[in-house]
């Protein structure tokens, strides 16, 4: 299972706006590889990148990065057992 805190809509939003990973990465001053990893769930973005991506699409952070309920609940249950 991937160790993600958030699910995200980055890929969906980027495609809906007709923006390439290269363009988005250049606009946000981050690497294309970072965009790819975020979209594929291989990397959790830093708070700075979460903010920049949300602002890029003119959306609130939870609209782009909603909490992944399954992982959130599993984490809560895991920690509450300790």
Foldseek 3Di string as FASTA:
>chain_A
DQPDFWQFCLVVLCVVVVHDLCRVCVVLVHDSVVSVCNNVSNDDDDPVVLVSSCVVSVHDSCVGTPTPVVNVVVVVVVVVVD
